Amino acid sequence: MTNIVILVVFVGFLSVDESLGACDSKTCIGGTCNVTTKSCNQGCGWGKCDLTCTSSVRKCIQDCKWKDCKAISNAETLNQSCSWGNCEVACLGSTKQCNQICVHGGCNSKCDAENCRQDCGSGDCGLKCPSGTKECIQDCTRGGCNANSNAETFNQFCIWGKCNVACLGSAKQCNQTCIHGGCNSKCDAEKCRQVCVSGDCELKCQSGAKECIQECSGGRCRMTCSSNVAKCEQDCFGGGCDFKCFAKECKASCFGGGCTHGSSTSGAVRAGFGITNFLLWAFATVGRLL
């Protein structure tokens, strides 16, 4: 008798979780939210839920306890929390803040909001920010993330390395911080910066860039600057870096030896290090021990 009761309750829970209903002032079971409410919340226990919030909704929330959920939002704020990954977000132009938290990775966000943020716990996430976005942030804990951004300012934080960034011509600032190395940045923004702690990173600055800086504390990094770049600088600690500069101003600092430099313009190659160089070297040492 007890087993029958449990089964009935379980089946009832499934039917509620997967049902499609209209929006009221508090909860959207599923489907499209198209009424004027302060907030629209979807709690999805078994995954594979879809949520669409229109511009009449101020705050749109999707809490996906499993995986494979999708959210499309034109609301003022969207927050998607995805516990087991493989979720998708699409934020449209009326959205001011678009947040995706992906615990087990494998998520994707296409964000046309004013401010975009993706937090990826287990890596392998993708983030796209077009030119209408002011600030775009990707925080990738386990590495292996990809970002394509034309936002005014872009920042990628990659802990376990092997992340990729492509910043397009409308961007003003493009930053990549890579702790365990093996990251790549292809930058056409006004200002490009790559900080690579454990080394083996690559930065390519294209014709739209004005200032390009690579700080490589673990060595074995590669940097290329095109002829239209005004200033190009590589600081290499650990040695074994490669620097190809065709910019108007080229500067390279190599500590550890074994660096190669190719330049068609006048520039300077420095050896040794100051306090900034020492700190980067110290970070590299700590990174290799982690």
C-alpha atoms as a PDB file:
ATOM      1  CA  MET A   1       0.000   0.000   0.000  1.00  0.00           C
ATOM      2  CA  THR A   2       2.855   2.389   0.904  1.00  0.00           C
ATOM      3  CA  ASN A   3       4.559   1.706  -2.430  1.00  0.00           C
ATOM      4  CA  ILE A   4       1.369   2.565  -4.322  1.00  0.00           C
ATOM      5  CA  VAL A   5       1.073   5.913  -2.499  1.00  0.00           C
ATOM      6  CA  ILE A   6       4.702   6.780  -3.261  1.00  0.00           C
ATOM      7  CA  LEU A   7       4.185   5.904  -6.941  1.00  0.00           C
ATOM      8  CA  VAL A   8       1.086   8.105  -7.197  1.00  0.00           C
ATOM      9  CA  VAL A   9       2.913  11.060  -5.627  1.00  0.00           C
ATOM     10  CA  PHE A  10       5.919  10.559  -7.928  1.00  0.00           C
ATOM     11  CA  VAL A  11       3.746  10.429 -11.067  1.00  0.00           C
ATOM     12  CA  GLY A  12       1.904  13.531  -9.914  1.00  0.00           C
ATOM     13  CA  PHE A  13       5.193  15.387  -9.440  1.00  0.00           C
ATOM     14  CA  LEU A  14       6.289  14.478 -12.954  1.00  0.00           C
ATOM     15  CA  SER A  15       3.065  15.747 -14.468  1.00  0.00           C
ATOM     16  CA  VAL A  16       3.414  19.112 -12.708  1.00  0.00           C
ATOM     17  CA  ASP A  17       7.086  19.479 -13.611  1.00  0.00           C
ATOM     18  CA  GLU A  18       6.562  18.874 -17.313  1.00  0.00           C
ATOM     19  CA  SER A  19       3.301  20.770 -17.738  1.00  0.00           C
ATOM     20  CA  LEU A  20       3.057  23.997 -19.714  1.00  0.00           C
ATOM     21  CA  GLY A  21       1.138  26.774 -18.017  1.00  0.00           C
ATOM     22  CA  ALA A  22       0.567  30.488 -18.170  1.00  0.00           C
ATOM     23  CA  CYS A  23       2.384  33.028 -16.041  1.00  0.00           C
ATOM     24  CA  ASP A  24       0.989  34.447 -12.857  1.00  0.00           C
ATOM     25  CA  SER A  25       2.644  37.007 -10.576  1.00  0.00           C
ATOM     26  CA  LYS A  26       5.001  34.473  -9.003  1.00  0.00           C
ATOM     27  CA  THR A  27       5.564  31.309 -10.986  1.00  0.00           C
ATOM     28  CA  CYS A  28       5.882  30.242 -14.600  1.00  0.00           C
ATOM     29  CA  ILE A  29       5.576  26.464 -14.832  1.00  0.00           C
ATOM     30  CA  GLY A  30       6.694  26.441 -18.448  1.00  0.00           C
ATOM     31  CA  GLY A  31       5.999  27.906 -21.851  1.00  0.00           C
ATOM     32  CA  THR A  32       5.906  31.624 -22.619  1.00  0.00           C
ATOM     33  CA  CYS A  33       5.684  34.412 -20.064  1.00  0.00           C
ATOM     34  CA  ASN A  34       3.752  37.188 -21.729  1.00  0.00           C
ATOM     35  CA  VAL A  35       2.014  39.065 -18.949  1.00  0.00           C
ATOM     36  CA  THR A  36       3.144  42.072 -16.951  1.00  0.00           C
ATOM     37  CA  THR A  37       4.774  40.728 -13.794  1.00  0.00           C
ATOM     38  CA  LYS A  38       7.658  41.807 -11.617  1.00  0.00           C
ATOM     39  CA  SER A  39       9.230  38.357 -11.796  1.00  0.00           C
ATOM     40  CA  CYS A  40       8.795  35.105 -13.635  1.00  0.00           C
ATOM     41  CA  ASN A  41      10.299  31.990 -12.054  1.00  0.00           C
ATOM     42  CA  GLN A  42      10.666  28.525 -13.506  1.00  0.00           C
ATOM     43  CA  GLY A  43      11.824  25.649 -11.335  1.00  0.00           C
ATOM     44  CA  CYS A  44      12.701  22.634 -13.444  1.00  0.00           C
ATOM     45  CA  GLY A  45      13.409  19.443 -11.524  1.00  0.00           C
ATOM     46  CA  TRP A  46      14.058  17.001 -14.370  1.00  0.00           C
ATOM     47  CA  GLY A  47      15.624  19.150 -17.060  1.00  0.00           C
ATOM     48  CA  LYS A  48      14.706  19.755 -20.694  1.00  0.00           C
ATOM     49  CA  CYS A  49      12.554  22.783 -19.818  1.00  0.00           C
ATOM     50  CA  ASP A  50      12.035  25.837 -22.025  1.00  0.00           C
ATOM     51  CA  LEU A  51      11.370  29.356 -20.761  1.00  0.00           C
ATOM     52  CA  THR A  52      10.633  32.514 -22.759  1.00  0.00           C
ATOM     53  CA  CYS A  53      10.297  35.878 -21.043  1.00  0.00           C
ATOM     54  CA  THR A  54       9.140  38.968 -22.932  1.00  0.00           C
ATOM     55  CA  SER A  55      10.101  42.590 -22.278  1.00  0.00           C
ATOM     56  CA  SER A  56       7.064  43.085 -20.005  1.00  0.00           C
ATOM     57  CA  VAL A  57       8.769  40.902 -17.366  1.00  0.00           C
ATOM     58  CA  ARG A  58      11.318  42.663 -15.169  1.00  0.00           C
ATOM     59  CA  LYS A  59      13.102  39.602 -13.748  1.00  0.00           C
ATOM     60  CA  CYS A  60      13.239  36.193 -15.377  1.00  0.00           C
ATOM     61  CA  ILE A  61      14.628  33.215 -13.438  1.00  0.00           C
ATOM     62  CA  GLN A  62      15.207  29.639 -14.562  1.00  0.00           C
ATOM     63  CA  ASP A  63      16.442  27.118 -12.000  1.00  0.00           C
ATOM     64  CA  CYS A  64      17.326  23.901 -13.822  1.00  0.00           C
ATOM     65  CA  LYS A  65      18.121  21.123 -11.335  1.00  0.00           C
ATOM     66  CA  TRP A  66      19.137  18.656 -14.035  1.00  0.00           C
ATOM     67  CA  LYS A  67      20.306  19.661 -17.558  1.00  0.00           C
ATOM     68  CA  ASP A  68      19.333  20.539 -21.142  1.00  0.00           C
ATOM     69  CA  CYS A  69      17.262  23.626 -20.267  1.00  0.00           C
ATOM     70  CA  LYS A  70      16.777  26.622 -22.567  1.00  0.00           C
ATOM     71  CA  ALA A  71      15.906  30.222 -21.772  1.00  0.00           C
ATOM     72  CA  ILE A  72      15.115  33.057 -24.175  1.00  0.00           C
ATOM     73  CA  SER A  73      14.699  36.437 -22.569  1.00  0.00           C
ATOM     74  CA  ASN A  74      13.902  40.033 -23.419  1.00  0.00           C
ATOM     75  CA  ALA A  75      13.237  40.786 -19.749  1.00  0.00           C
ATOM     76  CA  GLU A  76      15.191  43.399 -17.814  1.00  0.00           C
ATOM     77  CA  THR A  77      17.189  40.701 -15.978  1.00  0.00           C
ATOM     78  CA  LEU A  78      17.697  37.007 -16.689  1.00  0.00           C
ATOM     79  CA  ASN A  79      19.285  34.520 -14.299  1.00  0.00           C
ATOM     80  CA  GLN A  80      19.735  30.914 -15.392  1.00  0.00           C
ATOM     81  CA  SER A  81      21.145  28.350 -12.966  1.00  0.00           C
ATOM     82  CA  CYS A  82      22.009  24.999 -14.526  1.00  0.00           C
ATOM     83  CA  SER A  83      23.177  22.210 -12.209  1.00  0.00           C
ATOM     84  CA  TRP A  84      24.212  19.483 -14.658  1.00  0.00           C
ATOM     85  CA  GLY A  85      25.167  21.427 -17.766  1.00  0.00           C
ATOM     86  CA  ASN A  86      24.248  21.508 -21.447  1.00  0.00           C
ATOM     87  CA  CYS A  87      21.919  24.481 -20.946  1.00  0.00           C
ATOM     88  CA  GLU A  88      21.416  27.392 -23.325  1.00  0.00           C
ATOM     89  CA  VAL A  89      20.634  31.081 -22.910  1.00  0.00           C
ATOM     90  CA  ALA A  90      19.684  33.715 -25.471  1.00  0.00           C
ATOM     91  CA  CYS A  91      19.294  37.268 -24.165  1.00  0.00           C
ATOM     92  CA  LEU A  92      17.859  39.875 -26.543  1.00  0.00           C
ATOM     93  CA  GLY A  93      18.528  43.591 -26.895  1.00  0.00           C
ATOM     94  CA  SER A  94      16.107  44.896 -24.238  1.00  0.00           C
ATOM     95  CA  THR A  95      17.845  42.903 -21.498  1.00  0.00           C
ATOM     96  CA  LYS A  96      20.090  44.862 -19.146  1.00  0.00           C
ATOM     97  CA  GLN A  97      21.664  41.973 -17.220  1.00  0.00           C
ATOM     98  CA  CYS A  98      22.028  38.383 -18.438  1.00  0.00           C
ATOM     99  CA  ASN A  99      23.608  35.784 -16.113  1.00  0.00           C
ATOM    100  CA  GLN A 100      24.256  32.097 -16.684  1.00  0.00           C
ATOM    101  CA  ILE A 101      25.624  29.855 -13.928  1.00  0.00           C
ATOM    102  CA  CYS A 102      26.620  26.445 -15.254  1.00  0.00           C
ATOM    103  CA  VAL A 103      27.885  24.084 -12.561  1.00  0.00           C
ATOM    104  CA  HIS A 104      28.899  21.049 -14.646  1.00  0.00           C
ATOM    105  CA  GLY A 105      29.865  22.860 -17.836  1.00  0.00           C
ATOM    106  CA  GLY A 106      28.950  22.402 -21.455  1.00  0.00           C
ATOM    107  CA  CYS A 107      26.626  25.441 -21.503  1.00  0.00           C
ATOM    108  CA  ASN A 108      26.204  28.170 -24.103  1.00  0.00           C
ATOM    109  CA  SER A 109      25.128  31.791 -23.873  1.00  0.00           C
ATOM    110  CA  LYS A 110      24.317  34.135 -26.743  1.00  0.00           C
ATOM    111  CA  CYS A 111      23.997  37.499 -25.072  1.00  0.00           C
ATOM    112  CA  ASP A 112      22.839  40.765 -26.629  1.00  0.00           C
ATOM    113  CA  ALA A 113      22.155  42.319 -23.216  1.00  0.00           C
ATOM    114  CA  GLU A 114      23.797  45.450 -21.824  1.00  0.00           C
ATOM    115  CA  ASN A 115      25.821  43.328 -19.374  1.00  0.00           C
ATOM    116  CA  CYS A 116      26.569  39.618 -19.817  1.00  0.00           C
ATOM    117  CA  ARG A 117      28.128  37.123 -17.436  1.00  0.00           C
ATOM    118  CA  GLN A 118      28.791  33.395 -17.669  1.00  0.00           C
ATOM    119  CA  ASP A 119      30.149  31.332 -14.758  1.00  0.00           C
ATOM    120  CA  CYS A 120      31.234  27.878 -15.919  1.00  0.00           C
ATOM    121  CA  GLY A 121      32.181  25.370 -13.244  1.00  0.00           C
ATOM    122  CA  SER A 122      33.406  22.349 -15.221  1.00  0.00           C
ATOM    123  CA  GLY A 123      34.531  24.053 -18.403  1.00  0.00           C
ATOM    124  CA  ASP A 124      33.708  23.606 -22.086  1.00  0.00           C
ATOM    125  CA  CYS A 125      31.272  26.534 -22.145  1.00  0.00           C
ATOM    126  CA  GLY A 126      30.666  29.000 -24.956  1.00  0.00           C
ATOM    127  CA  LEU A 127      29.821  32.708 -24.776  1.00  0.00           C
ATOM    128  CA  LYS A 128      28.953  35.108 -27.598  1.00  0.00           C
ATOM    129  CA  CYS A 129      28.523  38.858 -27.068  1.00  0.00           C
ATOM    130  CA  PRO A 130      27.691  41.132 -30.058  1.00  0.00           C
ATOM    131  CA  SER A 131      28.484  44.818 -30.487  1.00  0.00           C
ATOM    132  CA  GLY A 132      25.480  46.104 -28.489  1.00  0.00           C
ATOM    133  CA  THR A 133      26.909  44.730 -25.228  1.00  0.00           C
ATOM    134  CA  LYS A 134      28.828  47.037 -22.875  1.00  0.00           C
ATOM    135  CA  GLU A 135      30.474  44.441 -20.627  1.00  0.00           C
ATOM    136  CA  CYS A 136      30.939  40.736 -21.241  1.00  0.00           C
ATOM    137  CA  ILE A 137      32.517  38.409 -18.637  1.00  0.00           C
ATOM    138  CA  GLN A 138      33.345  34.704 -18.783  1.00  0.00           C
ATOM    139  CA  ASP A 139      34.600  32.992 -15.633  1.00  0.00           C
ATOM    140  CA  CYS A 140      35.757  29.466 -16.508  1.00  0.00           C
ATOM    141  CA  THR A 141      36.952  27.342 -13.584  1.00  0.00           C
ATOM    142  CA  ARG A 142      37.918  24.044 -15.255  1.00  0.00           C
ATOM    143  CA  GLY A 143      39.136  25.505 -18.547  1.00  0.00           C
ATOM    144  CA  GLY A 144      38.386  24.643 -22.136  1.00  0.00           C
ATOM    145  CA  CYS A 145      35.953  27.546 -22.628  1.00  0.00           C
ATOM    146  CA  ASN A 146      35.423  29.604 -25.769  1.00  0.00           C
ATOM    147  CA  ALA A 147      34.310  33.214 -26.159  1.00  0.00           C
ATOM    148  CA  ASN A 148      33.511  35.364 -29.169  1.00  0.00           C
ATOM    149  CA  SER A 149      32.970  38.999 -28.258  1.00  0.00           C
ATOM    150  CA  ASN A 150      32.313  42.335 -29.904  1.00  0.00           C
ATOM    151  CA  ALA A 151      31.332  43.923 -26.594  1.00  0.00           C
ATOM    152  CA  GLU A 152      32.801  47.220 -25.471  1.00  0.00           C
ATOM    153  CA  THR A 153      34.753  45.480 -22.674  1.00  0.00           C
ATOM    154  CA  PHE A 154      35.474  41.763 -22.431  1.00  0.00           C
ATOM    155  CA  ASN A 155      37.151  39.784 -19.632  1.00  0.00           C
ATOM    156  CA  GLN A 156      37.855  36.055 -19.569  1.00  0.00           C
ATOM    157  CA  PHE A 157      39.186  34.342 -16.438  1.00  0.00           C
ATOM    158  CA  CYS A 158      40.383  30.810 -17.176  1.00  0.00           C
ATOM    159  CA  ILE A 159      41.703  28.809 -14.215  1.00  0.00           C
ATOM    160  CA  TRP A 160      42.735  25.447 -15.709  1.00  0.00           C
ATOM    161  CA  GLY A 161      43.747  26.769 -19.108  1.00  0.00           C
ATOM    162  CA  LYS A 162      43.118  25.846 -22.741  1.00  0.00           C
ATOM    163  CA  CYS A 163      40.563  28.627 -23.243  1.00  0.00           C
ATOM    164  CA  ASN A 164      40.034  30.576 -26.459  1.00  0.00           C
ATOM    165  CA  VAL A 165      38.996  34.186 -27.059  1.00  0.00           C
ATOM    166  CA  ALA A 166      38.165  36.085 -30.237  1.00  0.00           C
ATOM    167  CA  CYS A 167      37.536  39.825 -29.784  1.00  0.00           C
ATOM    168  CA  LEU A 168      36.187  41.688 -32.812  1.00  0.00           C
ATOM    169  CA  GLY A 169      36.713  45.205 -34.126  1.00  0.00           C
ATOM    170  CA  SER A 170      34.041  47.107 -32.164  1.00  0.00           C
ATOM    171  CA  ALA A 171      35.584  46.148 -28.819  1.00  0.00           C
ATOM    172  CA  LYS A 172      37.561  48.722 -26.856  1.00  0.00           C
ATOM    173  CA  GLN A 173      39.160  46.426 -24.252  1.00  0.00           C
ATOM    174  CA  CYS A 174      39.782  42.678 -24.448  1.00  0.00           C
ATOM    175  CA  ASN A 175      41.440  40.878 -21.517  1.00  0.00           C
ATOM    176  CA  GLN A 176      42.312  37.216 -21.053  1.00  0.00           C
ATOM    177  CA  THR A 177      43.709  35.889 -17.766  1.00  0.00           C
ATOM    178  CA  CYS A 178      44.917  32.292 -17.994  1.00  0.00           C
ATOM    179  CA  ILE A 179      46.274  30.604 -14.860  1.00  0.00           C
ATOM    180  CA  HIS A 180      47.312  27.109 -16.028  1.00  0.00           C
ATOM    181  CA  GLY A 181      48.339  28.124 -19.531  1.00  0.00           C
ATOM    182  CA  GLY A 182      47.586  26.833 -22.983  1.00  0.00           C
ATOM    183  CA  CYS A 183      45.181  29.695 -23.811  1.00  0.00           C
ATOM    184  CA  ASN A 184      44.706  31.554 -27.090  1.00  0.00           C
ATOM    185  CA  SER A 185      43.499  35.068 -27.837  1.00  0.00           C
ATOM    186  CA  LYS A 186      42.779  36.501 -31.279  1.00  0.00           C
ATOM    187  CA  CYS A 187      42.214  40.195 -30.687  1.00  0.00           C
ATOM    188  CA  ASP A 188      40.999  42.973 -32.973  1.00  0.00           C
ATOM    189  CA  ALA A 189      39.934  45.238 -30.088  1.00  0.00           C
ATOM    190  CA  GLU A 190      41.357  48.707 -29.442  1.00  0.00           C
ATOM    191  CA  LYS A 191      43.340  47.416 -26.442  1.00  0.00           C
ATOM    192  CA  CYS A 192      44.333  43.773 -26.019  1.00  0.00           C
ATOM    193  CA  ARG A 193      45.881  42.144 -22.969  1.00  0.00           C
ATOM    194  CA  GLN A 194      46.774  38.563 -22.122  1.00  0.00           C
ATOM    195  CA  VAL A 195      48.115  37.428 -18.752  1.00  0.00           C
ATOM    196  CA  CYS A 196      49.428  33.854 -18.886  1.00  0.00           C
ATOM    197  CA  VAL A 197      50.705  32.501 -15.579  1.00  0.00           C
ATOM    198  CA  SER A 198      51.862  28.958 -16.443  1.00  0.00           C
ATOM    199  CA  GLY A 199      52.936  29.717 -19.987  1.00  0.00           C
ATOM    200  CA  ASP A 200      52.321  28.196 -23.422  1.00  0.00           C
ATOM    201  CA  CYS A 201      49.766  30.854 -24.471  1.00  0.00           C
ATOM    202  CA  GLU A 202      49.294  32.644 -27.776  1.00  0.00           C
ATOM    203  CA  LEU A 203      48.147  36.194 -28.519  1.00  0.00           C
ATOM    204  CA  LYS A 204      47.475  37.483 -32.021  1.00  0.00           C
ATOM    205  CA  CYS A 205      46.730  41.192 -32.410  1.00  0.00           C
ATOM    206  CA  GLN A 206      45.128  42.122 -35.696  1.00  0.00           C
ATOM    207  CA  SER A 207      44.889  45.352 -37.684  1.00  0.00           C
ATOM    208  CA  GLY A 208      42.150  46.951 -35.533  1.00  0.00           C
ATOM    209  CA  ALA A 209      44.204  46.857 -32.334  1.00  0.00           C
ATOM    210  CA  LYS A 210      46.077  49.928 -31.096  1.00  0.00           C
ATOM    211  CA  GLU A 211      47.797  48.566 -27.986  1.00  0.00           C
ATOM    212  CA  CYS A 212      48.682  44.935 -27.379  1.00  0.00           C
ATOM    213  CA  ILE A 213      50.363  43.498 -24.266  1.00  0.00           C
ATOM    214  CA  GLN A 214      51.261  39.919 -23.315  1.00  0.00           C
ATOM    215  CA  GLU A 215      52.535  39.043 -19.839  1.00  0.00           C
ATOM    216  CA  CYS A 216      53.845  35.475 -19.824  1.00  0.00           C
ATOM    217  CA  SER A 217      55.273  34.380 -16.496  1.00  0.00           C
ATOM    218  CA  GLY A 218      55.686  30.675 -17.354  1.00  0.00           C
ATOM    219  CA  GLY A 219      57.480  31.110 -20.654  1.00  0.00           C
ATOM    220  CA  ARG A 220      56.928  29.400 -24.031  1.00  0.00           C
ATOM    221  CA  CYS A 221      54.374  31.997 -25.168  1.00  0.00           C
ATOM    222  CA  ARG A 222      53.814  33.306 -28.686  1.00  0.00           C
ATOM    223  CA  MET A 223      52.774  36.782 -29.759  1.00  0.00           C
ATOM    224  CA  THR A 224      52.108  38.354 -33.158  1.00  0.00           C
ATOM    225  CA  CYS A 225      51.228  41.988 -33.901  1.00  0.00           C
ATOM    226  CA  SER A 226      50.152  43.277 -37.319  1.00  0.00           C
ATOM    227  CA  SER A 227      51.547  46.417 -38.962  1.00  0.00           C
ATOM    228  CA  ASN A 228      48.588  48.655 -38.029  1.00  0.00           C
ATOM    229  CA  VAL A 229      49.082  48.160 -34.269  1.00  0.00           C
ATOM    230  CA  ALA A 230      50.548  51.246 -32.579  1.00  0.00           C
ATOM    231  CA  LYS A 231      52.225  49.523 -29.610  1.00  0.00           C
ATOM    232  CA  CYS A 232      53.098  45.876 -29.082  1.00  0.00           C
ATOM    233  CA  GLU A 233      54.811  44.531 -25.946  1.00  0.00           C
ATOM    234  CA  GLN A 234      55.741  41.065 -24.690  1.00  0.00           C
ATOM    235  CA  ASP A 235      57.059  40.391 -21.180  1.00  0.00           C
ATOM    236  CA  CYS A 236      58.361  36.828 -20.973  1.00  0.00           C
ATOM    237  CA  PHE A 237      59.568  35.233 -17.727  1.00  0.00           C
ATOM    238  CA  GLY A 238      60.705  31.642 -17.988  1.00  0.00           C
ATOM    239  CA  GLY A 239      62.119  31.995 -21.479  1.00  0.00           C
ATOM    240  CA  GLY A 240      61.369  30.257 -24.726  1.00  0.00           C
ATOM    241  CA  CYS A 241      58.916  32.884 -26.013  1.00  0.00           C
ATOM    242  CA  ASP A 242      58.383  33.887 -29.623  1.00  0.00           C
ATOM    243  CA  PHE A 243      57.690  37.521 -30.580  1.00  0.00           C
ATOM    244  CA  LYS A 244      56.723  38.590 -34.096  1.00  0.00           C
ATOM    245  CA  CYS A 245      56.085  42.321 -34.210  1.00  0.00           C
ATOM    246  CA  PHE A 246      55.258  44.432 -37.248  1.00  0.00           C
ATOM    247  CA  ALA A 247      53.738  47.261 -35.169  1.00  0.00           C
ATOM    248  CA  LYS A 248      54.895  50.880 -35.062  1.00  0.00           C
ATOM    249  CA  GLU A 249      56.449  50.324 -31.628  1.00  0.00           C
ATOM    250  CA  CYS A 250      57.758  46.933 -30.467  1.00  0.00           C
ATOM    251  CA  LYS A 251      59.055  46.038 -27.005  1.00  0.00           C
ATOM    252  CA  ALA A 252      60.133  42.650 -25.714  1.00  0.00           C
ATOM    253  CA  SER A 253      61.462  41.580 -22.317  1.00  0.00           C
ATOM    254  CA  CYS A 254      62.912  38.081 -22.008  1.00  0.00           C
ATOM    255  CA  PHE A 255      64.101  36.559 -18.737  1.00  0.00           C
ATOM    256  CA  GLY A 256      65.281  32.963 -18.888  1.00  0.00           C
ATOM    257  CA  GLY A 257      66.708  33.002 -22.387  1.00  0.00           C
ATOM    258  CA  GLY A 258      65.771  31.120 -25.501  1.00  0.00           C
ATOM    259  CA  CYS A 259      63.418  33.792 -26.868  1.00  0.00           C
ATOM    260  CA  THR A 260      63.076  34.552 -30.556  1.00  0.00           C
ATOM    261  CA  HIS A 261      62.133  37.943 -32.006  1.00  0.00           C
ATOM    262  CA  GLY A 262      61.146  39.008 -35.482  1.00  0.00           C
ATOM    263  CA  SER A 263      60.368  42.639 -36.288  1.00  0.00           C
ATOM    264  CA  SER A 264      60.111  44.894 -39.316  1.00  0.00           C
ATOM    265  CA  THR A 265      60.102  48.077 -37.209  1.00  0.00           C
ATOM    266  CA  SER A 266      62.424  49.663 -34.697  1.00  0.00           C
ATOM    267  CA  GLY A 267      62.031  48.354 -31.186  1.00  0.00           C
ATOM    268  CA  ALA A 268      63.803  47.190 -28.091  1.00  0.00           C
ATOM    269  CA  VAL A 269      64.565  43.825 -26.510  1.00  0.00           C
ATOM    270  CA  ARG A 270      65.239  43.845 -22.782  1.00  0.00           C
ATOM    271  CA  ALA A 271      66.666  41.284 -20.410  1.00  0.00           C
ATOM    272  CA  GLY A 272      66.244  41.086 -16.656  1.00  0.00           C
ATOM    273  CA  PHE A 273      63.237  41.980 -14.482  1.00  0.00           C
ATOM    274  CA  GLY A 274      61.803  44.578 -12.132  1.00  0.00           C
ATOM    275  CA  ILE A 275      59.193  44.215  -9.393  1.00  0.00           C
ATOM    276  CA  THR A 276      56.321  43.501 -11.828  1.00  0.00           C
ATOM    277  CA  ASN A 277      58.398  40.883 -13.560  1.00  0.00           C
ATOM    278  CA  PHE A 278      59.310  39.283 -10.261  1.00  0.00           C
ATOM    279  CA  LEU A 279      55.658  39.038  -9.199  1.00  0.00           C
ATOM    280  CA  LEU A 280      54.726  37.360 -12.467  1.00  0.00           C
ATOM    281  CA  TRP A 281      57.593  34.913 -12.058  1.00  0.00           C
ATOM    282  CA  ALA A 282      56.397  34.144  -8.516  1.00  0.00           C
ATOM    283  CA  PHE A 283      52.851  33.499  -9.774  1.00  0.00           C
ATOM    284  CA  ALA A 284      54.232  31.130 -12.382  1.00  0.00           C
ATOM    285  CA  THR A 285      56.102  29.149  -9.731  1.00  0.00           C
ATOM    286  CA  VAL A 286      52.987  28.870  -7.550  1.00  0.00           C
ATOM    287  CA  GLY A 287      50.864  27.909 -10.587  1.00  0.00           C
ATOM    288  CA  ARG A 288      53.149  24.998 -11.443  1.00  0.00           C
ATOM    289  CA  LEU A 289      52.898  23.696  -7.893  1.00  0.00           C
ATOM    290  CA  LEU A 290      49.062  23.686  -7.873  1.00  0.00           C
END
